[in-house]
Amino acid sequence: MEPLKIGVLLSGSGTNLQAIIDAVRDEGLPVDIVKVISSRPDAYGIERARAAGIPAVALNRDVYADPLAADARIVEELRAAGAEYVAMAGYMRKLTPVMLDAFPDRVLNLHPALLPSFKGAHAIRDAYEAGVKVTGVTVHFANEDYDKGPIVAQRAVEVREGWTLDDLEAAIHAVEHELYPRVLRWVAEGRVTITPERTVRIA
């Protein structure tokens, strides 16, 4: 089976990128990361990509002054690299129709909460401050409605008594690092289908 060619979008430390790189190396994940694009030039994820020999591009705030032009540039980079799918991994920019139309139902996002609860950029903190006993991780297809695309997979995380926010973040990230490679394996194996009702079926 030919590996699925993916581009990874990130904005920060790149721990989920590293989890995918490790799963390719250690678990035979049938994925080829053909390009990594960062929305920030100082994101450590760029170093992780380069250490793994993956071509990486770092954009900056000036590029995003025109979001449509920024996404057009990203699409150009991804297409030139041969990307078939896009995996957002801690990417803190909202995608425009330019990106979504270029990769229709082929952009995955990882969200650190059980959608539809706790949408937005501060989901872990919001869940912690709400005092919930269970939160979790969602992998979903991105669409124009922020954090509302068809859900592929979710996993719950129990919030233990006495945990700090840092404890919860660590638990969430540990689940992310396991769940995202698993979903990418399902996609690579052709097991993920979006139904006409815009739900996801896993074969």
N, C-alpha and C. Protein backbone atom coordinates (compact mmCIF):
# COMPACT_ATOMS: atom_id res chain seq x y z
N MET A 1 0.85 -1.20 0.00
CA MET A 1 0.00 0.00 0.00
C MET A 1 0.88 1.24 0.00
N GLU A 2 0.56 2.14 -0.91
CA GLU A 2 1.29 3.40 -0.95
C GLU A 2 0.94 4.25 0.27
N PRO A 3 1.93 4.86 0.90
CA PRO A 3 1.61 5.71 2.05
C PRO A 3 0.79 6.93 1.64
N LEU A 4 -0.05 7.39 2.55
CA LEU A 4 -0.83 8.60 2.34
C LEU A 4 0.09 9.80 2.49
N LYS A 5 0.11 10.65 1.49
CA LYS A 5 0.95 11.85 1.52
C LYS A 5 0.20 12.97 2.21
N ILE A 6 0.77 13.47 3.30
CA ILE A 6 0.08 14.51 4.06
C ILE A 6 0.98 15.73 4.25
N GLY A 7 0.33 16.88 4.37
CA GLY A 7 0.99 18.09 4.86
C GLY A 7 0.52 18.35 6.27
N VAL A 8 1.41 18.84 7.11
CA VAL A 8 1.06 19.13 8.50
C VAL A 8 1.18 20.63 8.73
N LEU A 9 0.13 21.22 9.30
CA LEU A 9 0.12 22.64 9.65
C LEU A 9 0.24 22.75 11.17
N LEU A 10 1.14 23.63 11.62
CA LEU A 10 1.32 23.79 13.06
C LEU A 10 1.67 25.24 13.39
N SER A 11 1.61 25.53 14.68
CA SER A 11 1.94 26.89 15.14
C SER A 11 2.85 26.88 16.35
N GLY A 12 3.11 25.71 16.93
CA GLY A 12 3.82 25.68 18.19
C GLY A 12 4.90 24.64 18.28
N SER A 13 4.90 23.91 19.39
CA SER A 13 6.03 23.03 19.70
C SER A 13 6.09 21.79 18.83
N GLY A 14 4.98 21.42 18.22
CA GLY A 14 5.01 20.31 17.28
C GLY A 14 5.02 18.93 17.92
N THR A 15 4.47 18.79 19.13
CA THR A 15 4.48 17.47 19.75
C THR A 15 3.59 16.48 19.00
N ASN A 16 2.50 16.94 18.41
CA ASN A 16 1.67 16.03 17.63
C ASN A 16 2.34 15.66 16.31
N LEU A 17 3.07 16.59 15.71
CA LEU A 17 3.90 16.24 14.56
C LEU A 17 4.88 15.15 14.94
N GLN A 18 5.53 15.31 16.10
CA GLN A 18 6.51 14.32 16.54
C GLN A 18 5.86 12.96 16.75
N ALA A 19 4.63 12.96 17.29
CA ALA A 19 3.91 11.70 17.49
C ALA A 19 3.66 11.00 16.16
N ILE A 20 3.34 11.76 15.12
CA ILE A 20 3.13 11.16 13.80
C ILE A 20 4.46 10.65 13.23
N ILE A 21 5.51 11.45 13.35
CA ILE A 21 6.84 11.01 12.88
C ILE A 21 7.23 9.72 13.58
N ASP A 22 7.03 9.65 14.90
CA ASP A 22 7.40 8.46 15.66
C ASP A 22 6.57 7.25 15.25
N ALA A 23 5.27 7.47 14.98
CA ALA A 23 4.40 6.36 14.58
C ALA A 23 4.78 5.82 13.20
N VAL A 24 5.21 6.70 12.31
CA VAL A 24 5.71 6.25 11.00
C VAL A 24 6.94 5.39 11.19
N ARG A 25 7.85 5.85 12.03
CA ARG A 25 9.12 5.14 12.23
C ARG A 25 8.97 3.85 13.04
N ASP A 26 8.17 3.91 14.11
CA ASP A 26 8.14 2.80 15.06
C ASP A 26 6.98 1.83 14.87
N GLU A 27 5.89 2.31 14.25
CA GLU A 27 4.69 1.48 14.16
C GLU A 27 4.25 1.22 12.73
N GLY A 28 5.04 1.67 11.76
CA GLY A 28 4.69 1.44 10.37
C GLY A 28 3.46 2.20 9.91
N LEU A 29 3.20 3.35 10.53
CA LEU A 29 2.06 4.17 10.08
C LEU A 29 2.26 4.49 8.61
N PRO A 30 1.27 4.12 7.74
CA PRO A 30 1.46 4.29 6.30
C PRO A 30 1.20 5.71 5.83
N VAL A 31 2.03 6.62 6.34
CA VAL A 31 1.89 8.05 6.04
C VAL A 31 3.25 8.60 5.66
N ASP A 32 3.27 9.47 4.68
CA ASP A 32 4.48 10.19 4.27
C ASP A 32 4.22 11.67 4.46
N ILE A 33 4.91 12.27 5.43
CA ILE A 33 4.76 13.71 5.67
C ILE A 33 5.61 14.44 4.64
N VAL A 34 4.96 15.05 3.66
CA VAL A 34 5.69 15.63 2.53
C VAL A 34 6.03 17.10 2.74
N LYS A 35 5.33 17.75 3.70
CA LYS A 35 5.61 19.17 3.96
C LYS A 35 5.05 19.55 5.32
N VAL A 36 5.81 20.36 6.05
CA VAL A 36 5.32 20.95 7.29
C VAL A 36 5.32 22.46 7.10
N ILE A 37 4.22 23.09 7.47
CA ILE A 37 4.10 24.54 7.35
C ILE A 37 3.72 25.11 8.71
N SER A 38 4.48 26.08 9.17
CA SER A 38 4.22 26.73 10.44
C SER A 38 3.73 28.15 10.22
N SER A 39 2.77 28.56 11.04
CA SER A 39 2.28 29.93 10.97
C SER A 39 3.20 30.89 11.71
N ARG A 40 4.20 30.34 12.41
CA ARG A 40 5.13 31.18 13.17
C ARG A 40 6.57 30.73 12.91
N PRO A 41 7.46 31.69 12.65
CA PRO A 41 8.84 31.31 12.35
C PRO A 41 9.59 30.75 13.54
N ASP A 42 9.11 31.02 14.77
CA ASP A 42 9.82 30.54 15.96
C ASP A 42 9.22 29.25 16.52
N ALA A 43 8.30 28.63 15.80
CA ALA A 43 7.67 27.40 16.28
C ALA A 43 8.68 26.26 16.29
N TYR A 44 8.78 25.58 17.42
CA TYR A 44 9.76 24.49 17.53
C TYR A 44 9.41 23.31 16.62
N GLY A 45 8.16 23.23 16.21
CA GLY A 45 7.77 22.18 15.28
C GLY A 45 8.58 22.19 14.00
N ILE A 46 9.04 23.38 13.59
CA ILE A 46 9.89 23.48 12.40
C ILE A 46 11.19 22.70 12.62
N GLU A 47 11.77 22.81 13.82
CA GLU A 47 13.00 22.08 14.12
C GLU A 47 12.75 20.58 14.12
N ARG A 48 11.61 20.15 14.63
CA ARG A 48 11.28 18.73 14.62
C ARG A 48 11.19 18.20 13.19
N ALA A 49 10.56 18.99 12.32
CA ALA A 49 10.44 18.59 10.92
C ALA A 49 11.82 18.46 10.27
N ARG A 50 12.64 19.46 10.46
CA ARG A 50 13.96 19.44 9.82
C ARG A 50 14.83 18.31 10.36
N ALA A 51 14.69 18.03 11.66
CA ALA A 51 15.46 16.93 12.25
C ALA A 51 15.06 15.59 11.64
N ALA A 52 13.81 15.51 11.18
CA ALA A 52 13.33 14.28 10.56
C ALA A 52 13.50 14.28 9.05
N GLY A 53 14.11 15.32 8.52
CA GLY A 53 14.33 15.41 7.08
C GLY A 53 13.09 15.76 6.28
N ILE A 54 12.15 16.41 6.92
CA ILE A 54 10.90 16.79 6.25
C ILE A 54 10.99 18.24 5.81
N PRO A 55 10.70 18.55 4.55
CA PRO A 55 10.72 19.96 4.11
C PRO A 55 9.74 20.79 4.92
N ALA A 56 10.20 21.95 5.36
CA ALA A 56 9.37 22.80 6.22
C ALA A 56 9.44 24.24 5.75
N VAL A 57 8.30 24.93 5.92
CA VAL A 57 8.20 26.34 5.56
C VAL A 57 7.63 27.09 6.76
N ALA A 58 8.26 28.19 7.12
CA ALA A 58 7.78 29.00 8.23
C ALA A 58 7.24 30.32 7.69
N LEU A 59 5.99 30.59 7.97
CA LEU A 59 5.38 31.85 7.57
C LEU A 59 5.42 32.81 8.76
N ASN A 60 4.98 34.04 8.56
CA ASN A 60 4.98 35.00 9.66
C ASN A 60 3.70 35.83 9.63
N ARG A 61 3.57 36.70 10.59
CA ARG A 61 2.34 37.48 10.75
C ARG A 61 2.05 38.32 9.51
N ASP A 62 3.09 38.84 8.87
CA ASP A 62 2.88 39.68 7.68
C ASP A 62 2.16 38.91 6.58
N VAL A 63 2.52 37.64 6.42
CA VAL A 63 1.89 36.81 5.39
C VAL A 63 0.39 36.70 5.65
N TYR A 64 0.01 36.62 6.92
CA TYR A 64 -1.39 36.41 7.28
C TYR A 64 -2.20 37.71 7.30
N ALA A 65 -1.58 38.83 6.96
CA ALA A 65 -2.34 40.07 6.85
C ALA A 65 -3.48 39.91 5.85
N ASP A 66 -3.27 39.07 4.84
CA ASP A 66 -4.32 38.71 3.89
C ASP A 66 -4.54 37.20 4.02
N PRO A 67 -5.52 36.77 4.80
CA PRO A 67 -5.70 35.33 5.05
C PRO A 67 -5.93 34.51 3.78
N LEU A 68 -6.64 35.09 2.82
CA LEU A 68 -6.88 34.35 1.57
C LEU A 68 -5.58 34.13 0.81
N ALA A 69 -4.75 35.15 0.75
CA ALA A 69 -3.46 35.02 0.07
C ALA A 69 -2.55 34.04 0.82
N ALA A 70 -2.63 34.08 2.16
CA ALA A 70 -1.82 33.15 2.97
C ALA A 70 -2.21 31.72 2.66
N ASP A 71 -3.52 31.45 2.65
CA ASP A 71 -3.96 30.08 2.37
C ASP A 71 -3.64 29.67 0.93
N ALA A 72 -3.70 30.62 0.00
CA ALA A 72 -3.33 30.31 -1.38
C ALA A 72 -1.86 29.88 -1.46
N ARG A 73 -1.02 30.57 -0.70
CA ARG A 73 0.40 30.19 -0.68
C ARG A 73 0.59 28.81 -0.06
N ILE A 74 -0.15 28.52 1.02
CA ILE A 74 -0.04 27.22 1.67
C ILE A 74 -0.51 26.12 0.73
N VAL A 75 -1.62 26.36 0.04
CA VAL A 75 -2.13 25.37 -0.92
C VAL A 75 -1.09 25.10 -2.00
N GLU A 76 -0.47 26.16 -2.49
CA GLU A 76 0.56 26.00 -3.51
C GLU A 76 1.72 25.13 -2.99
N GLU A 77 2.15 25.39 -1.76
CA GLU A 77 3.24 24.61 -1.17
C GLU A 77 2.83 23.14 -1.02
N LEU A 78 1.62 22.91 -0.54
CA LEU A 78 1.17 21.55 -0.30
C LEU A 78 1.00 20.78 -1.61
N ARG A 79 0.42 21.44 -2.60
CA ARG A 79 0.23 20.77 -3.89
C ARG A 79 1.57 20.46 -4.55
N ALA A 80 2.50 21.39 -4.46
CA ALA A 80 3.82 21.16 -5.06
C ALA A 80 4.52 19.98 -4.40
N ALA A 81 4.23 19.76 -3.11
CA ALA A 81 4.84 18.64 -2.39
C ALA A 81 4.08 17.33 -2.62
N GLY A 82 2.92 17.40 -3.25
CA GLY A 82 2.14 16.19 -3.53
C GLY A 82 1.21 15.77 -2.42
N ALA A 83 0.89 16.68 -1.50
CA ALA A 83 0.03 16.32 -0.37
C ALA A 83 -1.38 15.95 -0.85
N GLU A 84 -1.88 14.85 -0.30
CA GLU A 84 -3.24 14.41 -0.58
C GLU A 84 -4.20 14.82 0.54
N TYR A 85 -3.67 14.92 1.73
CA TYR A 85 -4.45 15.25 2.93
C TYR A 85 -3.70 16.30 3.72
N VAL A 86 -4.42 17.01 4.57
CA VAL A 86 -3.80 18.01 5.44
C VAL A 86 -4.17 17.68 6.89
N ALA A 87 -3.18 17.68 7.76
CA ALA A 87 -3.41 17.44 9.18
C ALA A 87 -3.02 18.69 9.96
N MET A 88 -4.02 19.32 10.58
CA MET A 88 -3.75 20.46 11.44
C MET A 88 -3.33 19.92 12.81
N ALA A 89 -2.19 20.38 13.30
CA ALA A 89 -1.65 19.85 14.55
C ALA A 89 -1.21 21.02 15.42
N GLY A 90 -2.19 21.62 16.10
CA GLY A 90 -1.88 22.81 16.88
C GLY A 90 -1.69 24.03 16.00
N TYR A 91 -2.50 24.11 14.94
CA TYR A 91 -2.43 25.23 14.00
C TYR A 91 -3.43 26.28 14.44
N MET A 92 -2.95 27.47 14.78
CA MET A 92 -3.79 28.47 15.44
C MET A 92 -4.32 29.53 14.48
N ARG A 93 -4.55 29.14 13.25
CA ARG A 93 -5.16 30.04 12.27
C ARG A 93 -6.42 29.39 11.71
N LYS A 94 -7.44 30.20 11.52
CA LYS A 94 -8.68 29.69 10.93
C LYS A 94 -8.50 29.53 9.43
N LEU A 95 -8.89 28.38 8.91
CA LEU A 95 -8.76 28.14 7.49
C LEU A 95 -9.82 28.90 6.71
N THR A 96 -9.45 29.36 5.53
CA THR A 96 -10.38 30.04 4.64
C THR A 96 -10.90 29.05 3.60
N PRO A 97 -11.93 29.44 2.84
CA PRO A 97 -12.41 28.57 1.76
C PRO A 97 -11.33 28.24 0.73
N VAL A 98 -10.31 29.07 0.62
CA VAL A 98 -9.24 28.77 -0.33
C VAL A 98 -8.61 27.42 -0.01
N MET A 99 -8.32 27.19 1.26
CA MET A 99 -7.74 25.92 1.69
C MET A 99 -8.77 24.79 1.66
N LEU A 100 -9.96 25.07 2.19
CA LEU A 100 -10.97 24.03 2.30
C LEU A 100 -11.45 23.55 0.94
N ASP A 101 -11.53 24.46 -0.04
CA ASP A 101 -11.95 24.07 -1.38
C ASP A 101 -10.85 23.31 -2.12
N ALA A 102 -9.59 23.58 -1.76
CA ALA A 102 -8.48 22.90 -2.41
C ALA A 102 -8.35 21.45 -1.92
N PHE A 103 -8.75 21.23 -0.66
CA PHE A 103 -8.69 19.88 -0.07
C PHE A 103 -10.04 19.54 0.57
N PRO A 104 -11.09 19.39 -0.26
CA PRO A 104 -12.43 19.19 0.29
C PRO A 104 -12.54 17.88 1.08
N ASP A 105 -12.98 17.99 2.32
CA ASP A 105 -13.10 16.84 3.23
C ASP A 105 -11.80 16.06 3.34
N ARG A 106 -10.71 16.79 3.23
CA ARG A 106 -9.39 16.15 3.38
C ARG A 106 -8.48 16.97 4.29
N VAL A 107 -9.10 17.77 5.17
CA VAL A 107 -8.35 18.52 6.18
C VAL A 107 -8.82 18.05 7.55
N LEU A 108 -7.91 17.43 8.29
CA LEU A 108 -8.23 16.95 9.64
C LEU A 108 -7.75 17.96 10.67
N ASN A 109 -8.51 18.06 11.76
CA ASN A 109 -8.10 18.92 12.86
C ASN A 109 -8.17 18.13 14.16
N LEU A 110 -7.29 18.48 15.07
CA LEU A 110 -7.24 17.87 16.39
C LEU A 110 -7.65 18.93 17.40
N HIS A 111 -8.67 18.61 18.22
CA HIS A 111 -9.16 19.59 19.19
C HIS A 111 -9.11 19.00 20.59
N PRO A 112 -8.55 19.74 21.57
CA PRO A 112 -8.34 19.19 22.90
C PRO A 112 -9.55 19.31 23.82
N ALA A 113 -10.69 18.83 23.34
CA ALA A 113 -11.92 18.76 24.13
C ALA A 113 -12.88 17.84 23.38
N LEU A 114 -13.98 17.49 24.04
CA LEU A 114 -14.99 16.66 23.40
C LEU A 114 -16.02 17.57 22.73
N LEU A 115 -15.78 17.88 21.46
CA LEU A 115 -16.72 18.72 20.73
C LEU A 115 -18.10 18.07 20.73
N PRO A 116 -19.17 18.87 20.81
CA PRO A 116 -19.22 20.33 20.64
C PRO A 116 -18.92 21.15 21.89
N SER A 117 -18.50 20.52 22.97
CA SER A 117 -18.16 21.28 24.18
C SER A 117 -16.79 21.94 24.03
N PHE A 118 -16.65 23.11 24.62
CA PHE A 118 -15.36 23.80 24.76
C PHE A 118 -14.65 23.99 23.42
N LYS A 119 -15.31 24.71 22.54
CA LYS A 119 -14.69 25.09 21.26
C LYS A 119 -13.67 26.19 21.52
N GLY A 120 -12.87 26.48 20.49
CA GLY A 120 -11.97 27.61 20.57
C GLY A 120 -10.56 27.26 21.02
N ALA A 121 -9.76 28.32 21.16
CA ALA A 121 -8.32 28.15 21.35
C ALA A 121 -7.90 27.81 22.77
N HIS A 122 -8.82 27.92 23.73
CA HIS A 122 -8.44 27.69 25.13
C HIS A 122 -9.28 26.56 25.74
N ALA A 123 -9.46 25.51 24.97
CA ALA A 123 -10.40 24.45 25.35
C ALA A 123 -10.00 23.75 26.64
N ILE A 124 -8.70 23.48 26.81
CA ILE A 124 -8.28 22.76 28.01
C ILE A 124 -8.52 23.61 29.25
N ARG A 125 -8.11 24.86 29.18
CA ARG A 125 -8.32 25.76 30.31
C ARG A 125 -9.81 25.97 30.59
N ASP A 126 -10.60 26.13 29.53
CA ASP A 126 -12.03 26.35 29.71
C ASP A 126 -12.68 25.14 30.40
N ALA A 127 -12.30 23.94 30.00
CA ALA A 127 -12.85 22.74 30.62
C ALA A 127 -12.42 22.64 32.08
N TYR A 128 -11.16 22.96 32.33
CA TYR A 128 -10.64 22.89 33.70
C TYR A 128 -11.37 23.88 34.61
N GLU A 129 -11.52 25.10 34.12
CA GLU A 129 -12.16 26.14 34.94
C GLU A 129 -13.66 25.89 35.11
N ALA A 130 -14.26 25.14 34.19
CA ALA A 130 -15.68 24.79 34.33
C ALA A 130 -15.89 23.69 35.35
N GLY A 131 -14.80 23.04 35.75
CA GLY A 131 -14.90 22.01 36.77
C GLY A 131 -15.49 20.70 36.27
N VAL A 132 -15.42 20.45 34.96
CA VAL A 132 -15.96 19.19 34.44
C VAL A 132 -15.16 18.01 34.97
N LYS A 133 -15.79 16.86 35.05
CA LYS A 133 -15.13 15.65 35.52
C LYS A 133 -14.58 14.82 34.36
N VAL A 134 -15.10 15.10 33.17
CA VAL A 134 -14.63 14.40 31.96
C VAL A 134 -14.50 15.41 30.83
N THR A 135 -13.37 15.40 30.16
CA THR A 135 -13.19 16.16 28.92
C THR A 135 -12.53 15.18 27.94
N GLY A 136 -11.74 15.66 27.02
CA GLY A 136 -11.13 14.69 26.11
C GLY A 136 -10.55 15.31 24.87
N VAL A 137 -10.52 14.50 23.81
CA VAL A 137 -9.88 14.88 22.55
C VAL A 137 -10.81 14.50 21.40
N THR A 138 -10.87 15.37 20.40
CA THR A 138 -11.67 15.13 19.20
C THR A 138 -10.80 15.27 17.96
N VAL A 139 -10.93 14.34 17.02
CA VAL A 139 -10.37 14.52 15.68
C VAL A 139 -11.55 14.67 14.73
N HIS A 140 -11.54 15.74 13.96
CA HIS A 140 -12.67 16.01 13.07
C HIS A 140 -12.18 16.60 11.77
N PHE A 141 -13.05 16.57 10.77
CA PHE A 141 -12.76 17.24 9.51
C PHE A 141 -13.04 18.73 9.68
N ALA A 142 -12.13 19.54 9.20
CA ALA A 142 -12.30 20.99 9.28
C ALA A 142 -13.29 21.45 8.21
N ASN A 143 -14.10 22.43 8.59
CA ASN A 143 -14.95 23.11 7.61
C ASN A 143 -15.02 24.59 7.98
N GLU A 144 -15.91 25.33 7.32
CA GLU A 144 -15.92 26.78 7.53
C GLU A 144 -16.48 27.17 8.90
N ASP A 145 -17.20 26.26 9.55
CA ASP A 145 -17.69 26.52 10.90
C ASP A 145 -16.63 26.05 11.88
N TYR A 146 -16.07 26.97 12.62
CA TYR A 146 -14.93 26.69 13.50
C TYR A 146 -15.27 25.56 14.48
N ASP A 147 -14.45 24.50 14.47
CA ASP A 147 -14.61 23.37 15.39
C ASP A 147 -15.98 22.69 15.26
N LYS A 148 -16.52 22.65 14.04
CA LYS A 148 -17.85 22.04 13.87
C LYS A 148 -17.90 21.01 12.75
N GLY A 149 -16.77 20.63 12.16
CA GLY A 149 -16.80 19.67 11.07
C GLY A 149 -17.12 18.26 11.55
N PRO A 150 -17.41 17.35 10.61
CA PRO A 150 -17.77 15.97 10.97
C PRO A 150 -16.70 15.31 11.86
N ILE A 151 -17.17 14.69 12.93
CA ILE A 151 -16.26 14.09 13.92
C ILE A 151 -15.85 12.69 13.48
N VAL A 152 -14.54 12.45 13.49
CA VAL A 152 -14.00 11.14 13.13
C VAL A 152 -13.83 10.27 14.36
N ALA A 153 -13.28 10.83 15.42
CA ALA A 153 -13.01 10.04 16.62
C ALA A 153 -12.94 10.95 17.83
N GLN A 154 -13.33 10.39 18.97
CA GLN A 154 -13.20 11.10 20.25
C GLN A 154 -12.72 10.12 21.32
N ARG A 155 -12.00 10.67 22.28
CA ARG A 155 -11.62 9.86 23.43
C ARG A 155 -11.72 10.71 24.68
N ALA A 156 -12.33 10.14 25.70
CA ALA A 156 -12.54 10.86 26.94
C ALA A 156 -11.31 10.84 27.83
N VAL A 157 -11.15 11.89 28.61
CA VAL A 157 -10.10 11.99 29.62
C VAL A 157 -10.78 12.36 30.94
N GLU A 158 -10.62 11.52 31.94
CA GLU A 158 -11.18 11.81 33.26
C GLU A 158 -10.31 12.84 33.96
N VAL A 159 -10.95 13.85 34.52
CA VAL A 159 -10.24 14.88 35.27
C VAL A 159 -10.15 14.42 36.72
N ARG A 160 -8.96 14.07 37.15
CA ARG A 160 -8.79 13.50 38.49
C ARG A 160 -8.85 14.57 39.57
N GLU A 161 -9.27 14.15 40.73
CA GLU A 161 -9.33 15.04 41.89
C GLU A 161 -7.93 15.57 42.20
N GLY A 162 -7.82 16.88 42.40
CA GLY A 162 -6.53 17.45 42.77
C GLY A 162 -5.62 17.81 41.61
N TRP A 163 -6.06 17.53 40.40
CA TRP A 163 -5.22 17.85 39.25
C TRP A 163 -5.08 19.36 39.08
N THR A 164 -3.89 19.77 38.65
CA THR A 164 -3.69 21.15 38.21
C THR A 164 -4.01 21.25 36.72
N LEU A 165 -4.04 22.47 36.23
CA LEU A 165 -4.23 22.66 34.79
C LEU A 165 -3.12 21.98 34.01
N ASP A 166 -1.91 22.04 34.50
CA ASP A 166 -0.78 21.37 33.82
C ASP A 166 -0.99 19.86 33.76
N ASP A 167 -1.53 19.29 34.84
CA ASP A 167 -1.80 17.85 34.85
C ASP A 167 -2.81 17.49 33.76
N LEU A 168 -3.85 18.30 33.65
CA LEU A 168 -4.87 18.03 32.64
C LEU A 168 -4.29 18.18 31.24
N GLU A 169 -3.50 19.22 31.03
CA GLU A 169 -2.88 19.40 29.72
C GLU A 169 -2.02 18.20 29.34
N ALA A 170 -1.25 17.70 30.29
CA ALA A 170 -0.40 16.55 30.01
C ALA A 170 -1.22 15.33 29.64
N ALA A 171 -2.33 15.11 30.35
CA ALA A 171 -3.19 13.97 30.06
C ALA A 171 -3.84 14.10 28.68
N ILE A 172 -4.29 15.31 28.36
CA ILE A 172 -4.90 15.56 27.04
C ILE A 172 -3.88 15.30 25.94
N HIS A 173 -2.68 15.83 26.10
CA HIS A 173 -1.66 15.67 25.06
C HIS A 173 -1.28 14.20 24.87
N ALA A 174 -1.22 13.44 25.95
CA ALA A 174 -0.90 12.02 25.84
C ALA A 174 -1.93 11.29 24.98
N VAL A 175 -3.21 11.65 25.15
CA VAL A 175 -4.26 11.04 24.34
C VAL A 175 -4.16 11.51 22.89
N GLU A 176 -3.90 12.79 22.69
CA GLU A 176 -3.73 13.31 21.33
C GLU A 176 -2.66 12.52 20.57
N HIS A 177 -1.54 12.27 21.24
CA HIS A 177 -0.39 11.64 20.58
C HIS A 177 -0.68 10.20 20.19
N GLU A 178 -1.68 9.61 20.82
CA GLU A 178 -2.08 8.25 20.46
C GLU A 178 -3.21 8.26 19.43
N LEU A 179 -4.18 9.16 19.63
CA LEU A 179 -5.38 9.14 18.80
C LEU A 179 -5.13 9.65 17.38
N TYR A 180 -4.33 10.70 17.24
CA TYR A 180 -4.16 11.29 15.90
C TYR A 180 -3.49 10.31 14.93
N PRO A 181 -2.38 9.66 15.32
CA PRO A 181 -1.80 8.66 14.41
C PRO A 181 -2.78 7.53 14.08
N ARG A 182 -3.60 7.15 15.06
CA ARG A 182 -4.57 6.09 14.79
C ARG A 182 -5.57 6.52 13.72
N VAL A 183 -6.08 7.74 13.83
CA VAL A 183 -7.03 8.24 12.82
C VAL A 183 -6.34 8.34 11.46
N LEU A 184 -5.11 8.80 11.44
CA LEU A 184 -4.39 8.88 10.16
C LEU A 184 -4.21 7.50 9.54
N ARG A 185 -4.04 6.48 10.37
CA ARG A 185 -3.95 5.12 9.84
C ARG A 185 -5.28 4.72 9.20
N TRP A 186 -6.39 5.03 9.87
CA TRP A 186 -7.70 4.72 9.28
C TRP A 186 -7.87 5.40 7.93
N VAL A 187 -7.47 6.66 7.86
CA VAL A 187 -7.60 7.41 6.60
C VAL A 187 -6.72 6.78 5.53
N ALA A 188 -5.48 6.49 5.88
CA ALA A 188 -4.54 5.91 4.92
C ALA A 188 -5.02 4.56 4.40
N GLU A 189 -5.73 3.83 5.25
CA GLU A 189 -6.23 2.51 4.86
C GLU A 189 -7.60 2.58 4.17
N GLY A 190 -8.08 3.81 3.95
CA GLY A 190 -9.33 3.99 3.23
C GLY A 190 -10.56 3.59 4.02
N ARG A 191 -10.47 3.66 5.35
CA ARG A 191 -11.57 3.20 6.20
C ARG A 191 -12.52 4.31 6.63
N VAL A 192 -12.20 5.55 6.29
CA VAL A 192 -12.99 6.70 6.74
C VAL A 192 -13.86 7.23 5.60
N THR A 193 -15.17 7.28 5.84
CA THR A 193 -16.11 7.78 4.85
C THR A 193 -17.02 8.82 5.49
N ILE A 194 -17.25 9.92 4.79
CA ILE A 194 -18.24 10.90 5.23
C ILE A 194 -19.56 10.58 4.53
N THR A 195 -20.59 10.39 5.33
CA THR A 195 -21.90 10.02 4.78
C THR A 195 -22.60 11.25 4.20
N PRO A 196 -23.68 11.03 3.43
CA PRO A 196 -24.45 12.18 2.92
C PRO A 196 -25.01 13.05 4.04
N GLU A 197 -25.19 12.47 5.23
CA GLU A 197 -25.70 13.23 6.37
C GLU A 197 -24.59 14.00 7.08
N ARG A 198 -23.38 13.93 6.55
CA ARG A 198 -22.21 14.63 7.10
C ARG A 198 -21.81 14.06 8.46
N THR A 199 -21.96 12.76 8.61
CA THR A 199 -21.36 12.06 9.73
C THR A 199 -20.26 11.17 9.18
N VAL A 200 -19.45 10.62 10.07
CA VAL A 200 -18.31 9.82 9.63
C VAL A 200 -18.55 8.35 9.94
N ARG A 201 -18.30 7.50 8.95
CA ARG A 201 -18.37 6.06 9.14
C ARG A 201 -16.95 5.48 9.07
N ILE A 202 -16.62 4.65 10.04
CA ILE A 202 -15.31 3.97 10.06
C ILE A 202 -15.54 2.50 9.71
N ALA A 203 -14.91 2.04 8.64
CA ALA A 203 -15.08 0.64 8.21
C ALA A 203 -14.21 -0.28 9.06
